[in-house]
């Protein structure tokens, strides 16, 4: 059982920055991919950015050039640096992690509780 705890959300003005953190804890075997998803009011949840243990990154076109994803495997933590925030970035941001037990071919997907990011102008 893995728990994901997000932090760093808040209320900012357009053009400002935030840094989200997500720390994994519990019974961890091997976390492969970690990432961030968001859900804005009236919209479906969408991918923001993901990063694998090998450093391969996938980032949504809507945030390219503004957001950067990184991870610290020693701390089981993934970060999302959010610069030049826009009003349309307002959403609940959810952390996601994939834990793998390679020996038995078992994959488990975990989600955090979400952290609110609100951008005003």
Protein backbone atom coordinates (compact mmCIF):
# COMPACT_ATOMS: atom_id res chain seq x y z
CA UNK A 1 0.00 0.00 0.00
CA UNK A 2 1.43 3.33 -1.13
CA UNK A 3 0.27 6.73 0.01
CA UNK A 4 0.84 9.88 -2.02
CA UNK A 5 0.74 13.27 -0.35
CA UNK A 6 0.76 16.44 -2.43
CA UNK A 7 1.78 19.87 -1.23
CA UNK A 8 2.54 23.29 -2.63
CA UNK A 9 -0.81 24.30 -4.06
CA UNK A 10 -2.36 27.64 -3.36
CA UNK A 11 -3.72 30.89 -4.69
CA UNK A 12 -1.49 32.99 -6.93
CA UNK A 13 -1.84 35.72 -9.51
CA UNK A 14 -1.28 35.19 -13.21
CA UNK A 15 2.39 35.19 -14.11
CA UNK A 16 3.54 33.88 -10.75
CA UNK A 17 4.99 30.49 -9.93
CA UNK A 18 4.28 27.50 -7.73
CA UNK A 19 6.15 24.31 -7.03
CA UNK A 20 4.15 21.20 -6.28
CA UNK A 21 5.61 18.24 -4.43
CA UNK A 22 4.35 14.70 -4.08
CA UNK A 23 5.93 12.29 -1.64
CA UNK A 24 5.27 8.56 -1.75
CA UNK A 25 5.36 6.49 1.41
CA UNK A 26 4.28 3.11 2.67
CA UNK A 27 5.11 -0.28 1.22
CA UNK A 28 7.03 0.69 -1.90
CA UNK A 29 8.62 -1.88 -4.18
CA UNK A 30 9.79 0.07 -7.19
CA UNK A 31 8.14 3.23 -8.42
CA UNK A 32 8.44 3.43 -12.18
CA UNK A 33 6.44 6.35 -13.49
CA UNK A 34 5.26 9.34 -11.50
CA UNK A 35 3.26 12.24 -12.75
CA UNK A 36 0.71 14.95 -12.40
CA UNK A 37 -2.83 15.20 -13.67
CA UNK A 38 -5.34 17.99 -13.22
CA UNK A 39 -9.05 18.50 -13.32
CA UNK A 40 -10.55 21.93 -13.86
CA UNK A 41 -14.16 22.81 -13.09
CA UNK A 42 -16.47 21.35 -15.71
CA UNK A 43 -13.68 19.44 -17.44
CA UNK A 44 -12.34 15.90 -17.41
CA UNK A 45 -9.09 14.99 -15.73
CA UNK A 46 -6.13 15.45 -18.04
CA UNK A 47 -2.46 14.59 -18.05
CA UNK A 48 -0.08 17.40 -17.17
CA UNK A 49 3.31 15.69 -17.05
CA UNK A 50 4.89 12.34 -16.27
CA UNK A 51 8.43 11.14 -15.67
CA UNK A 52 9.83 7.63 -15.54
CA UNK A 53 12.61 6.30 -13.35
CA UNK A 54 14.88 6.62 -16.37
CA UNK A 55 14.12 10.31 -16.75
CA UNK A 56 11.85 10.08 -19.78
CA UNK A 57 9.39 12.97 -19.68
CA UNK A 58 5.97 13.45 -21.19
CA UNK A 59 4.37 16.86 -20.89
CA UNK A 60 1.13 18.31 -22.17
CA UNK A 61 1.34 20.84 -24.98
CA UNK A 62 -0.67 23.33 -22.98
CA UNK A 63 2.07 23.63 -20.35
CA UNK A 64 5.24 23.07 -22.38
CA UNK A 65 7.78 25.79 -21.80
CA UNK A 66 6.16 26.76 -18.53
CA UNK A 67 6.05 23.61 -16.40
CA UNK A 68 8.93 21.31 -15.52
CA UNK A 69 8.67 17.88 -13.94
CA UNK A 70 11.45 16.27 -11.94
CA UNK A 71 11.90 13.56 -9.34
CA UNK A 72 14.13 12.58 -6.46
CA UNK A 73 14.16 8.79 -6.20
CA UNK A 74 16.01 8.84 -2.88
CA UNK A 75 13.05 10.71 -1.41
CA UNK A 76 10.36 9.00 -3.51
CA UNK A 77 9.22 12.45 -4.48
CA UNK A 78 8.11 14.07 -7.72
CA UNK A 79 7.99 17.81 -8.32
CA UNK A 80 6.15 20.07 -10.69
CA UNK A 81 7.63 23.53 -11.18
CA UNK A 82 4.89 25.75 -12.54
CA UNK A 83 5.99 29.08 -14.01
CA UNK A 84 4.08 31.80 -15.81
CA UNK A 85 0.82 30.52 -14.46
CA UNK A 86 -2.36 31.36 -16.32
CA UNK A 87 -5.96 31.51 -15.21
CA UNK A 88 -6.66 28.39 -17.27
CA UNK A 89 -4.19 26.45 -15.12
CA UNK A 90 -6.67 26.61 -12.26
CA UNK A 91 -7.53 23.05 -11.28
CA UNK A 92 -7.13 20.36 -8.69
CA UNK A 93 -3.77 18.73 -9.32
CA UNK A 94 -3.42 15.02 -8.59
CA UNK A 95 -0.22 13.07 -8.13
CA UNK A 96 0.04 9.62 -9.69
CA UNK A 97 2.56 6.85 -9.13
CA UNK A 98 3.05 3.39 -10.59
CA UNK A 99 4.54 0.84 -8.21
CA UNK A 100 5.94 -2.32 -9.73
CA UNK A 101 6.80 -5.70 -8.25
CA UNK A 102 8.93 -6.89 -11.12
CA UNK A 103 9.50 -10.37 -9.70
CA UNK A 104 5.80 -11.15 -9.99
CA UNK A 105 4.78 -8.86 -12.82
CA UNK A 106 2.46 -6.83 -10.62
CA UNK A 107 1.71 -3.17 -11.31
CA UNK A 108 -0.23 -0.93 -8.96
CA UNK A 109 -1.45 2.57 -9.67
CA UNK A 110 -1.84 5.09 -6.86
CA UNK A 111 -3.34 8.56 -6.61
CA UNK A 112 -2.96 11.41 -4.19
CA UNK A 113 -5.85 13.32 -2.69
CA UNK A 114 -5.26 16.36 -4.88
CA UNK A 115 -4.07 19.88 -4.21
CA UNK A 116 -5.89 23.00 -5.35
CA UNK A 117 -4.15 25.49 -7.61
CA UNK A 118 -6.02 28.71 -8.23
CA UNK A 119 -4.70 31.42 -10.53
CA UNK A 120 -6.31 34.83 -10.47
CA UNK A 121 -5.74 37.97 -12.52
